[in-house]
Amino acid sequence: MVVVTGNGELWACDNNRNGQLGTTGFDLAKLASGGGCVGGSPVRMAACGEKITTIVTKEGSVWPFGKGGDGALGLNDIVNRRVPTQVEAHHFGHAKIVSAAAGSHHSAAATEHGGLYT
């Protein structure tokens, strides 16, 4: 589970077996404190699946982490990530990402112009 609070804190809790908490621990974790910045931009939203978590910033960048098998994180590899890792903007045609979804073996991102990337 991930929660973005009204003051911009980003919290996650789960079993973290695949790094989906964005930390090395296995308990409740604060990923972004007051202001909720990831990569220098405030957090717009976060989505979590069984093995993947994805953060979208207000700037429009997307930061997945968790199980990377079969390229599920969109980072062009199969590496599990225990910290949020930015998907480079050129993968989305430099479009601003406004929403994301995450599942057990996939993630998706939607652009401000209605594009969908999986």
Protein backbone atom coordinates (compact mmCIF):
# COMPACT_ATOMS: atom_id res chain seq x y z
CA MET A 1 0.00 0.00 0.00
CA VAL A 2 1.20 3.54 -0.75
CA VAL A 3 -0.27 6.78 0.56
CA VAL A 4 0.42 10.37 -0.47
CA THR A 5 -0.63 12.65 2.39
CA GLY A 6 -2.05 16.16 2.09
CA ASN A 7 1.28 17.67 3.12
CA GLY A 8 3.18 15.66 0.51
CA GLU A 9 4.56 12.81 2.54
CA LEU A 10 4.75 9.48 0.72
CA TRP A 11 4.38 6.33 2.83
CA ALA A 12 4.53 2.66 1.83
CA CYS A 13 3.96 -0.59 3.68
CA ASP A 14 4.06 -4.20 2.47
CA ASN A 15 6.25 -7.26 2.78
CA ASN A 16 8.90 -5.66 0.49
CA ARG A 17 9.94 -9.05 -0.90
CA ASN A 18 10.62 -7.45 -4.32
CA GLY A 19 11.69 -3.98 -3.17
CA GLN A 20 8.27 -2.42 -3.77
CA LEU A 21 8.58 -0.27 -0.61
CA GLY A 22 11.50 1.62 -2.09
CA THR A 23 13.73 0.75 0.87
CA THR A 24 15.76 -2.17 2.12
CA GLY A 25 13.55 -2.71 5.21
CA PHE A 26 10.35 -4.69 5.63
CA ASP A 27 8.14 -2.31 7.60
CA LEU A 28 6.30 0.97 7.16
CA ALA A 29 8.56 3.32 5.20
CA LYS A 30 8.49 7.06 4.54
CA LEU A 31 9.71 7.57 0.98
CA ALA A 32 9.32 11.34 0.75
CA SER A 33 8.91 13.75 3.63
CA GLY A 34 7.13 17.11 3.80
CA GLY A 35 6.90 18.49 0.29
CA GLY A 36 6.91 14.94 -1.05
CA CYS A 37 9.74 15.41 -3.51
CA VAL A 38 11.08 12.61 -5.69
CA GLY A 39 13.78 13.64 -8.12
CA GLY A 40 13.30 17.24 -6.99
CA SER A 41 9.60 17.38 -7.92
CA PRO A 42 6.54 17.04 -5.65
CA VAL A 43 4.64 13.76 -5.85
CA ARG A 44 1.40 13.85 -7.89
CA MET A 45 0.31 10.26 -7.22
CA ALA A 46 1.51 6.77 -6.48
CA ALA A 47 0.22 3.38 -7.56
CA CYS A 48 1.05 -0.02 -6.20
CA GLY A 49 0.62 -3.54 -7.41
CA GLU A 50 1.53 -6.86 -5.86
CA LYS A 51 5.22 -6.51 -6.71
CA ILE A 52 5.62 -3.00 -8.17
CA THR A 53 5.14 0.58 -6.99
CA THR A 54 5.16 3.59 -9.32
CA ILE A 55 5.42 7.27 -8.40
CA VAL A 56 4.38 10.10 -10.75
CA THR A 57 5.68 13.58 -9.98
CA LYS A 58 3.92 16.87 -10.64
CA GLU A 59 6.71 17.60 -13.11
CA GLY A 60 5.48 14.59 -15.11
CA SER A 61 8.21 12.05 -14.53
CA VAL A 62 7.61 8.43 -13.53
CA TRP A 63 9.63 6.50 -10.94
CA PRO A 64 8.91 2.73 -10.64
CA PHE A 65 10.49 0.27 -8.22
CA GLY A 66 10.02 -3.34 -7.15
CA LYS A 67 10.21 -6.52 -9.24
CA GLY A 68 11.79 -5.86 -12.62
CA GLY A 69 11.29 -9.30 -14.17
CA ASP A 70 10.22 -9.35 -17.84
CA GLY A 71 10.93 -5.60 -18.04
CA ALA A 72 7.91 -4.82 -15.85
CA LEU A 73 9.38 -1.54 -14.55
CA GLY A 74 9.93 -0.07 -18.02
CA LEU A 75 13.64 0.43 -17.40
CA ASN A 76 14.84 -1.79 -20.28
CA ASP A 77 16.19 -4.48 -17.98
CA ILE A 78 14.99 -7.20 -15.60
CA VAL A 79 16.62 -5.87 -12.43
CA ASN A 80 14.63 -5.54 -9.18
CA ARG A 81 14.85 -2.00 -7.82
CA ARG A 82 14.64 -1.18 -4.10
CA VAL A 83 14.66 2.58 -4.70
CA PRO A 84 12.56 4.69 -7.10
CA THR A 85 14.34 4.87 -10.47
CA GLN A 86 13.29 7.35 -13.14
CA VAL A 87 12.14 6.13 -16.54
CA GLU A 88 13.79 8.52 -18.97
CA ALA A 89 11.40 10.94 -20.71
CA HIS A 90 12.44 9.89 -24.22
CA HIS A 91 10.64 6.56 -23.63
CA PHE A 92 7.39 8.59 -23.61
CA GLY A 93 8.27 10.90 -26.49
CA HIS A 94 9.16 13.51 -23.84
CA ALA A 95 5.45 13.75 -22.93
CA LYS A 96 4.39 14.64 -19.38
CA ILE A 97 3.10 11.63 -17.41
CA VAL A 98 -0.05 12.36 -15.41
CA SER A 99 -1.10 8.93 -14.15
CA ALA A 100 0.27 5.43 -13.66
CA ALA A 101 -0.82 1.95 -12.68
CA ALA A 102 1.08 -1.04 -11.34
CA GLY A 103 0.32 -4.73 -11.15
CA SER A 104 2.17 -7.86 -10.15
CA HIS A 105 4.04 -8.17 -13.46
CA HIS A 106 3.44 -4.91 -15.31
CA SER A 107 3.24 -1.14 -15.03
CA ALA A 108 1.59 1.48 -17.20
CA ALA A 109 1.83 5.25 -17.60
CA ALA A 110 -0.59 7.73 -19.21
CA THR A 111 0.47 11.04 -20.75
CA GLU A 112 -1.30 14.39 -20.59
CA HIS A 113 -2.30 13.91 -24.25
CA GLY A 114 -3.89 10.49 -23.72
CA GLY A 115 -0.95 8.28 -24.68
CA LEU A 116 -0.67 4.96 -22.83
CA TYR A 117 2.63 3.19 -22.29
CA THR A 118 2.98 -0.32 -20.84
